[in-house]
PDB file of all heavy atoms in Angstrom:
ATOM      1  N   GLU A   1     -20.435 -20.775   2.941  1.00  0.00           N
ATOM      2  CA  GLU A   1     -20.278 -19.321   3.144  1.00  0.00           C
ATOM      3  C   GLU A   1     -18.904 -18.861   2.685  1.00  0.00           C
ATOM      4  O   GLU A   1     -17.872 -19.546   2.972  1.00  0.00           O
ATOM      5  CB  GLU A   1     -20.485 -18.997   4.644  1.00  0.00           C
ATOM      6  CG  GLU A   1     -21.885 -19.037   5.125  1.00  0.00           C
ATOM      7  CD  GLU A   1     -22.749 -17.969   4.383  1.00  0.00           C
ATOM      8  OE1 GLU A   1     -22.334 -16.764   4.425  1.00  0.00           O
ATOM      9  OE2 GLU A   1     -23.831 -18.371   3.864  1.00  0.00           O
ATOM     10  N   PRO A   2     -18.812 -17.717   1.977  1.00  0.00           N
ATOM     11  CA  PRO A   2     -17.450 -17.260   1.511  1.00  0.00           C
ATOM     12  C   PRO A   2     -16.664 -16.567   2.759  1.00  0.00           C
ATOM     13  O   PRO A   2     -17.313 -16.092   3.669  1.00  0.00           O
ATOM     14  CB  PRO A   2     -17.801 -16.189   0.544  1.00  0.00           C
ATOM     15  CG  PRO A   2     -19.180 -15.696   0.984  1.00  0.00           C
ATOM     16  CD  PRO A   2     -19.900 -16.863   1.514  1.00  0.00           C
ATOM     17  N   ILE A   3     -15.421 -16.685   2.640  1.00  0.00           N
ATOM     18  CA  ILE A   3     -14.579 -15.845   3.555  1.00  0.00           C
ATOM     19  C   ILE A   3     -14.444 -14.393   2.907  1.00  0.00           C
ATOM     20  O   ILE A   3     -14.150 -14.211   1.680  1.00  0.00           O
ATOM     21  CB  ILE A   3     -13.152 -16.430   3.672  1.00  0.00           C
ATOM     22  CG1 ILE A   3     -13.123 -17.794   4.288  1.00  0.00           C
ATOM     23  CG2 ILE A   3     -12.160 -15.544   4.442  1.00  0.00           C
ATOM     24  CD1 ILE A   3     -11.816 -18.414   4.242  1.00  0.00           C
ATOM     25  N   ARG A   4     -14.762 -13.445   3.588  1.00  0.00           N
ATOM     26  CA  ARG A   4     -14.656 -12.063   3.201  1.00  0.00           C
ATOM     27  C   ARG A   4     -13.587 -11.332   4.013  1.00  0.00           C
ATOM     28  O   ARG A   4     -13.672 -11.190   5.213  1.00  0.00           O
ATOM     29  CB  ARG A   4     -16.047 -11.264   3.295  1.00  0.00           C
ATOM     30  CG  ARG A   4     -17.174 -11.960   2.587  1.00  0.00           C
ATOM     31  CD  ARG A   4     -18.311 -10.996   2.573  1.00  0.00           C
ATOM     32  NE  ARG A   4     -19.545 -11.876   2.065  1.00  0.00           N
ATOM     33  CZ  ARG A   4     -20.459 -12.367   2.884  1.00  0.00           C
ATOM     34  NH1 ARG A   4     -20.358 -12.211   4.177  1.00  0.00           N
ATOM     35  NH2 ARG A   4     -21.449 -13.068   2.359  1.00  0.00           N
ATOM     36  N   ILE A   5     -12.581 -10.804   3.283  1.00  0.00           N
ATOM     37  CA  ILE A   5     -11.512 -10.110   3.911  1.00  0.00           C
ATOM     38  C   ILE A   5     -11.275  -8.738   3.240  1.00  0.00           C
ATOM     39  O   ILE A   5     -11.288  -8.605   2.081  1.00  0.00           O
ATOM     40  CB  ILE A   5     -10.166 -10.986   3.773  1.00  0.00           C
ATOM     41  CG1 ILE A   5     -10.354 -12.380   4.269  1.00  0.00           C
ATOM     42  CG2 ILE A   5      -9.000 -10.219   4.573  1.00  0.00           C
ATOM     43  CD1 ILE A   5      -9.233 -13.315   4.033  1.00  0.00           C
ATOM     44  N   THR A   6     -11.140  -7.696   4.136  1.00  0.00           N
ATOM     45  CA  THR A   6     -10.861  -6.330   3.654  1.00  0.00           C
ATOM     46  C   THR A   6      -9.365  -6.040   4.071  1.00  0.00           C
ATOM     47  O   THR A   6      -9.064  -6.097   5.299  1.00  0.00           O
ATOM     48  CB  THR A   6     -11.831  -5.340   4.250  1.00  0.00           C
ATOM     49  OG1 THR A   6     -13.046  -5.637   3.783  1.00  0.00           O
ATOM     50  CG2 THR A   6     -11.509  -3.991   3.706  1.00  0.00           C
ATOM     51  N   TYR A   7      -8.555  -5.670   3.102  1.00  0.00           N
ATOM     52  CA  TYR A   7      -7.154  -5.183   3.468  1.00  0.00           C
ATOM     53  C   TYR A   7      -7.101  -3.735   3.348  1.00  0.00           C
ATOM     54  O   TYR A   7      -7.452  -3.157   2.367  1.00  0.00           O
ATOM     55  CB  TYR A   7      -6.240  -5.871   2.393  1.00  0.00           C
ATOM     56  CG  TYR A   7      -6.130  -7.372   2.553  1.00  0.00           C
ATOM     57  CD1 TYR A   7      -6.929  -8.208   1.877  1.00  0.00           C
ATOM     58  CD2 TYR A   7      -5.139  -7.941   3.371  1.00  0.00           C
ATOM     59  CE1 TYR A   7      -6.732  -9.666   1.956  1.00  0.00           C
ATOM     60  CE2 TYR A   7      -5.044  -9.338   3.499  1.00  0.00           C
ATOM     61  CZ  TYR A   7      -5.881 -10.176   2.786  1.00  0.00           C
ATOM     62  OH  TYR A   7      -5.721 -11.525   2.819  1.00  0.00           O
ATOM     63  N   ASP A   8      -6.526  -3.061   4.433  1.00  0.00           N
ATOM     64  CA  ASP A   8      -6.369  -1.671   4.341  1.00  0.00           C
ATOM     65  C   ASP A   8      -4.883  -1.349   4.326  1.00  0.00           C
ATOM     66  O   ASP A   8      -4.207  -1.697   5.332  1.00  0.00           O
ATOM     67  CB  ASP A   8      -6.982  -1.078   5.649  1.00  0.00           C
ATOM     68  CG  ASP A   8      -7.096   0.446   5.619  1.00  0.00           C
ATOM     69  OD1 ASP A   8      -6.382   0.984   4.743  1.00  0.00           O
ATOM     70  OD2 ASP A   8      -7.582   1.062   6.586  1.00  0.00           O
ATOM     71  N   TYR A   9      -4.441  -0.834   3.242  1.00  0.00           N
ATOM     72  CA  TYR A   9      -2.997  -0.552   3.005  1.00  0.00           C
ATOM     73  C   TYR A   9      -2.754   0.881   3.565  1.00  0.00           C
ATOM     74  O   TYR A   9      -1.543   1.442   3.406  1.00  0.00           O
ATOM     75  CB  TYR A   9      -2.602  -0.683   1.695  1.00  0.00           C
ATOM     76  CG  TYR A   9      -2.430  -2.091   1.291  1.00  0.00           C
ATOM     77  CD1 TYR A   9      -3.487  -2.997   1.053  1.00  0.00           C
ATOM     78  CD2 TYR A   9      -1.168  -2.677   1.235  1.00  0.00           C
ATOM     79  CE1 TYR A   9      -3.265  -4.329   0.789  1.00  0.00           C
ATOM     80  CE2 TYR A   9      -0.984  -4.014   1.030  1.00  0.00           C
ATOM     81  CZ  TYR A   9      -2.049  -4.846   0.764  1.00  0.00           C
ATOM     82  OH  TYR A   9      -1.893  -6.247   0.472  1.00  0.00           O
ATOM     83  N   GLY A  10      -3.685   1.605   4.092  1.00  0.00           N
ATOM     84  CA  GLY A  10      -3.440   2.926   4.745  1.00  0.00           C
ATOM     85  C   GLY A  10      -3.096   4.003   3.640  1.00  0.00           C
ATOM     86  O   GLY A  10      -3.416   3.792   2.474  1.00  0.00           O
ATOM     87  N   THR A  11      -2.592   5.133   4.118  1.00  0.00           N
ATOM     88  CA  THR A  11      -2.291   6.216   3.167  1.00  0.00           C
ATOM     89  C   THR A  11      -0.780   6.618   3.359  1.00  0.00           C
ATOM     90  O   THR A  11      -0.136   6.265   4.381  1.00  0.00           O
ATOM     91  CB  THR A  11      -3.184   7.456   3.542  1.00  0.00           C
ATOM     92  OG1 THR A  11      -3.027   7.777   4.928  1.00  0.00           O
ATOM     93  CG2 THR A  11      -4.636   7.138   3.229  1.00  0.00           C
ATOM     94  N   GLU A  12      -0.326   7.344   2.468  1.00  0.00           N
ATOM     95  CA  GLU A  12       1.125   7.735   2.481  1.00  0.00           C
ATOM     96  C   GLU A  12       1.310   8.631   3.634  1.00  0.00           C
ATOM     97  O   GLU A  12       0.692   9.746   3.751  1.00  0.00           O
ATOM     98  CB  GLU A  12       1.534   8.470   1.184  1.00  0.00           C
ATOM     99  CG  GLU A  12       2.882   9.045   1.175  1.00  0.00           C
ATOM    100  CD  GLU A  12       3.948   8.038   1.557  1.00  0.00           C
ATOM    101  OE1 GLU A  12       3.850   6.881   1.116  1.00  0.00           O
ATOM    102  OE2 GLU A  12       4.859   8.489   2.415  1.00  0.00           O
ATOM    103  N   ASP A  13       2.125   8.212   4.653  1.00  0.00           N
ATOM    104  CA  ASP A  13       2.328   9.010   5.882  1.00  0.00           C
ATOM    105  C   ASP A  13       3.843   9.422   5.987  1.00  0.00           C
ATOM    106  O   ASP A  13       4.170   9.827   7.157  1.00  0.00           O
ATOM    107  CB  ASP A  13       1.928   8.300   7.087  1.00  0.00           C
ATOM    108  CG  ASP A  13       2.510   6.944   7.189  1.00  0.00           C
ATOM    109  OD1 ASP A  13       3.503   6.654   6.401  1.00  0.00           O
ATOM    110  OD2 ASP A  13       2.229   6.171   8.074  1.00  0.00           O
ATOM    111  N   GLY A  14       4.526   9.365   4.997  1.00  0.00           N
ATOM    112  CA  GLY A  14       5.995   9.664   5.102  1.00  0.00           C
ATOM    113  C   GLY A  14       6.969   8.556   5.493  1.00  0.00           C
ATOM    114  O   GLY A  14       8.114   8.618   5.402  1.00  0.00           O
ATOM    115  N   SER A  15       6.346   7.426   5.736  1.00  0.00           N
ATOM    116  CA  SER A  15       7.073   6.237   6.117  1.00  0.00           C
ATOM    117  C   SER A  15       7.844   5.637   4.958  1.00  0.00           C
ATOM    118  O   SER A  15       7.335   5.686   3.772  1.00  0.00           O
ATOM    119  CB  SER A  15       6.191   5.148   6.746  1.00  0.00           C
ATOM    120  OG  SER A  15       6.863   4.005   6.918  1.00  0.00           O
ATOM    121  N   GLU A  16       9.013   5.190   5.175  1.00  0.00           N
ATOM    122  CA  GLU A  16       9.800   4.507   4.100  1.00  0.00           C
ATOM    123  C   GLU A  16       9.342   3.113   3.880  1.00  0.00           C
ATOM    124  O   GLU A  16       9.941   2.306   2.920  1.00  0.00           O
ATOM    125  CB  GLU A  16      11.274   4.655   4.401  1.00  0.00           C
ATOM    126  CG  GLU A  16      11.801   6.087   4.339  1.00  0.00           C
ATOM    127  CD  GLU A  16      11.599   6.732   2.952  1.00  0.00           C
ATOM    128  OE1 GLU A  16      11.846   6.104   1.997  1.00  0.00           O
ATOM    129  OE2 GLU A  16      11.253   7.909   2.924  1.00  0.00           O
ATOM    130  N   SER A  17       8.581   2.503   4.743  1.00  0.00           N
ATOM    131  CA  SER A  17       8.188   1.114   4.653  1.00  0.00           C
ATOM    132  C   SER A  17       7.023   0.872   3.712  1.00  0.00           C
ATOM    133  O   SER A  17       6.072   1.688   3.588  1.00  0.00           O
ATOM    134  CB  SER A  17       7.742   0.535   6.049  1.00  0.00           C
ATOM    135  OG  SER A  17       8.871   0.626   6.959  1.00  0.00           O
ATOM    136  N   GLY A  18       7.034  -0.253   2.963  1.00  0.00           N
ATOM    137  CA  GLY A  18       5.927  -0.774   2.162  1.00  0.00           C
ATOM    138  C   GLY A  18       5.007  -1.561   3.086  1.00  0.00           C
ATOM    139  O   GLY A  18       5.345  -1.864   4.202  1.00  0.00           O
ATOM    140  N   LYS A  19       3.881  -2.006   2.392  1.00  0.00           N
ATOM    141  CA  LYS A  19       2.989  -2.927   3.143  1.00  0.00           C
ATOM    142  C   LYS A  19       2.649  -4.184   2.343  1.00  0.00           C
ATOM    143  O   LYS A  19       2.492  -4.020   1.070  1.00  0.00           O
ATOM    144  CB  LYS A  19       1.752  -2.211   3.517  1.00  0.00           C
ATOM    145  CG  LYS A  19       1.937  -1.087   4.618  1.00  0.00           C
ATOM    146  CD  LYS A  19       0.626  -0.576   5.061  1.00  0.00           C
ATOM    147  CE  LYS A  19       0.902   0.425   6.200  1.00  0.00           C
ATOM    148  NZ  LYS A  19      -0.372   0.941   6.847  1.00  0.00           N
ATOM    149  N   LEU A  20       2.778  -5.279   2.977  1.00  0.00           N
ATOM    150  CA  LEU A  20       2.626  -6.539   2.303  1.00  0.00           C
ATOM    151  C   LEU A  20       1.745  -7.525   2.976  1.00  0.00           C
ATOM    152  O   LEU A  20       1.711  -7.578   4.192  1.00  0.00           O
ATOM    153  CB  LEU A  20       4.004  -7.236   2.087  1.00  0.00           C
ATOM    154  CG  LEU A  20       4.069  -8.693   1.665  1.00  0.00           C
ATOM    155  CD1 LEU A  20       3.786  -8.680   0.140  1.00  0.00           C
ATOM    156  CD2 LEU A  20       5.436  -9.278   1.823  1.00  0.00           C
ATOM    157  N   SER A  21       0.772  -8.210   2.191  1.00  0.00           N
ATOM    158  CA  SER A  21      -0.064  -9.207   2.788  1.00  0.00           C
ATOM    159  C   SER A  21       0.371 -10.558   2.108  1.00  0.00           C
ATOM    160  O   SER A  21       0.634 -10.664   0.913  1.00  0.00           O
ATOM    161  CB  SER A  21      -1.488  -8.958   2.453  1.00  0.00           C
ATOM    162  OG  SER A  21      -1.785  -8.808   1.137  1.00  0.00           O
ATOM    163  N   ARG A  22       0.347 -11.595   2.875  1.00  0.00           N
ATOM    164  CA  ARG A  22       0.785 -12.966   2.480  1.00  0.00           C
ATOM    165  C   ARG A  22      -0.234 -13.966   2.858  1.00  0.00           C
ATOM    166  O   ARG A  22      -0.697 -14.017   4.039  1.00  0.00           O
ATOM    167  CB  ARG A  22       2.105 -13.344   3.038  1.00  0.00           C
ATOM    168  CG  ARG A  22       3.359 -12.601   2.450  1.00  0.00           C
ATOM    169  CD  ARG A  22       4.512 -12.475   3.406  1.00  0.00           C
ATOM    170  NE  ARG A  22       4.893 -13.753   3.955  1.00  0.00           N
ATOM    171  CZ  ARG A  22       5.907 -14.564   3.577  1.00  0.00           C
ATOM    172  NH1 ARG A  22       6.599 -14.160   2.562  1.00  0.00           N
ATOM    173  NH2 ARG A  22       6.294 -15.595   4.233  1.00  0.00           N
ATOM    174  N   THR A  23      -0.719 -14.742   1.972  1.00  0.00           N
ATOM    175  CA  THR A  23      -1.855 -15.681   2.189  1.00  0.00           C
ATOM    176  C   THR A  23      -1.613 -16.988   1.522  1.00  0.00           C
ATOM    177  O   THR A  23      -1.206 -17.071   0.426  1.00  0.00           O
ATOM    178  CB  THR A  23      -3.177 -15.162   1.665  1.00  0.00           C
ATOM    179  OG1 THR A  23      -3.365 -13.808   2.085  1.00  0.00           O
ATOM    180  CG2 THR A  23      -4.306 -16.051   2.068  1.00  0.00           C
ATOM    181  N   ALA A  24      -1.795 -18.093   2.303  1.00  0.00           N
ATOM    182  CA  ALA A  24      -1.762 -19.446   1.846  1.00  0.00           C
ATOM    183  C   ALA A  24      -3.148 -20.073   1.924  1.00  0.00           C
ATOM    184  O   ALA A  24      -3.855 -19.904   2.926  1.00  0.00           O
ATOM    185  CB  ALA A  24      -0.804 -20.330   2.625  1.00  0.00           C
ATOM    186  N   ILE A  25      -3.624 -20.734   0.858  1.00  0.00           N
ATOM    187  CA  ILE A  25      -4.850 -21.389   0.715  1.00  0.00           C
ATOM    188  C   ILE A  25      -4.583 -22.809   0.383  1.00  0.00           C
ATOM    189  O   ILE A  25      -4.085 -23.101  -0.670  1.00  0.00           O
ATOM    190  CB  ILE A  25      -5.810 -20.680  -0.257  1.00  0.00           C
ATOM    191  CG1 ILE A  25      -6.037 -19.209   0.121  1.00  0.00           C
ATOM    192  CG2 ILE A  25      -7.171 -21.496  -0.241  1.00  0.00           C
ATOM    193  CD1 ILE A  25      -6.811 -18.466  -0.880  1.00  0.00           C
ATOM    194  N   VAL A  26      -4.991 -23.798   1.274  1.00  0.00           N
ATOM    195  CA  VAL A  26      -4.795 -25.220   1.047  1.00  0.00           C
ATOM    196  C   VAL A  26      -6.089 -25.876   1.143  1.00  0.00           C
ATOM    197  O   VAL A  26      -6.770 -25.813   2.109  1.00  0.00           O
ATOM    198  CB  VAL A  26      -3.873 -25.778   2.150  1.00  0.00           C
ATOM    199  CG1 VAL A  26      -3.513 -27.256   1.850  1.00  0.00           C
ATOM    200  CG2 VAL A  26      -2.498 -25.059   2.115  1.00  0.00           C
ATOM    201  N   LEU A  27      -6.479 -26.665  -0.020  1.00  0.00           N
ATOM    202  CA  LEU A  27      -7.757 -27.213  -0.129  1.00  0.00           C
ATOM    203  C   LEU A  27      -7.434 -28.776  -0.239  1.00  0.00           C
ATOM    204  O   LEU A  27      -6.713 -29.302  -0.992  1.00  0.00           O
ATOM    205  CB  LEU A  27      -8.391 -26.865  -1.452  1.00  0.00           C
ATOM    206  CG  LEU A  27      -8.691 -25.377  -1.576  1.00  0.00           C
ATOM    207  CD1 LEU A  27      -9.454 -25.140  -2.774  1.00  0.00           C
ATOM    208  CD2 LEU A  27      -9.433 -24.794  -0.334  1.00  0.00           C
ATOM    209  N   GLY A  28      -8.124 -29.488   0.773  1.00  0.00           N
ATOM    210  CA  GLY A  28      -8.061 -30.946   0.798  1.00  0.00           C
ATOM    211  C   GLY A  28      -8.893 -31.538  -0.369  1.00  0.00           C
ATOM    212  O   GLY A  28      -9.649 -30.804  -1.146  1.00  0.00           O
ATOM    213  N   GLU A  29      -8.745 -32.868  -0.552  1.00  0.00           N
ATOM    214  CA  GLU A  29      -9.381 -33.515  -1.627  1.00  0.00           C
ATOM    215  C   GLU A  29     -10.883 -33.305  -1.614  1.00  0.00           C
ATOM    216  O   GLU A  29     -11.532 -33.450  -0.545  1.00  0.00           O
ATOM    217  CB  GLU A  29      -9.014 -34.981  -1.552  1.00  0.00           C
ATOM    218  CG  GLU A  29      -9.542 -35.774  -2.794  1.00  0.00           C
ATOM    219  CD  GLU A  29      -9.015 -37.208  -2.856  1.00  0.00           C
ATOM    220  OE1 GLU A  29      -7.901 -37.478  -2.328  1.00  0.00           O
ATOM    221  OE2 GLU A  29      -9.633 -37.984  -3.446  1.00  0.00           O
ATOM    222  N   ALA A  30     -11.503 -32.963  -2.798  1.00  0.00           N
ATOM    223  CA  ALA A  30     -12.970 -32.854  -2.902  1.00  0.00           C
ATOM    224  C   ALA A  30     -13.526 -31.696  -2.049  1.00  0.00           C
ATOM    225  O   ALA A  30     -14.719 -31.665  -1.738  1.00  0.00           O
ATOM    226  CB  ALA A  30     -13.677 -34.092  -2.684  1.00  0.00           C
ATOM    227  N   SER A  31     -12.624 -30.676  -1.711  1.00  0.00           N
ATOM    228  CA  SER A  31     -13.105 -29.646  -0.911  1.00  0.00           C
ATOM    229  C   SER A  31     -13.502 -28.390  -1.860  1.00  0.00           C
ATOM    230  O   SER A  31     -12.918 -28.379  -2.984  1.00  0.00           O
ATOM    231  CB  SER A  31     -12.197 -29.186   0.179  1.00  0.00           C
ATOM    232  OG  SER A  31     -11.005 -28.738  -0.411  1.00  0.00           O
ATOM    233  N   GLU A  32     -14.346 -27.393  -1.329  1.00  0.00           N
ATOM    234  CA  GLU A  32     -14.620 -26.284  -2.109  1.00  0.00           C
ATOM    235  C   GLU A  32     -14.592 -25.000  -1.215  1.00  0.00           C
ATOM    236  O   GLU A  32     -14.976 -25.049  -0.058  1.00  0.00           O
ATOM    237  CB  GLU A  32     -15.933 -26.403  -2.812  1.00  0.00           C
ATOM    238  CG  GLU A  32     -16.002 -27.495  -3.897  1.00  0.00           C
ATOM    239  CD  GLU A  32     -17.339 -27.542  -4.600  1.00  0.00           C
ATOM    240  OE1 GLU A  32     -18.193 -26.621  -4.312  1.00  0.00           O
ATOM    241  OE2 GLU A  32     -17.593 -28.411  -5.326  1.00  0.00           O
ATOM    242  N   LEU A  33     -14.072 -23.820  -1.729  1.00  0.00           N
ATOM    243  CA  LEU A  33     -14.014 -22.633  -0.908  1.00  0.00           C
ATOM    244  C   LEU A  33     -14.105 -21.444  -1.840  1.00  0.00           C
ATOM    245  O   LEU A  33     -13.583 -21.468  -2.957  1.00  0.00           O
ATOM    246  CB  LEU A  33     -12.724 -22.614  -0.139  1.00  0.00           C
ATOM    247  CG  LEU A  33     -12.384 -21.369   0.724  1.00  0.00           C
ATOM    248  CD1 LEU A  33     -13.450 -21.324   1.951  1.00  0.00           C
ATOM    249  CD2 LEU A  33     -11.009 -21.236   1.271  1.00  0.00           C
TER     250      LEU A  33
END
């Protein structure tokens, strides 16, 4: 089964901050994803 992820970065609301997503994917020997 696949992992399904939805990222919502919102809308411009006057904030000075940006938005960042960080992901690590580690696959062991002979694995599949």
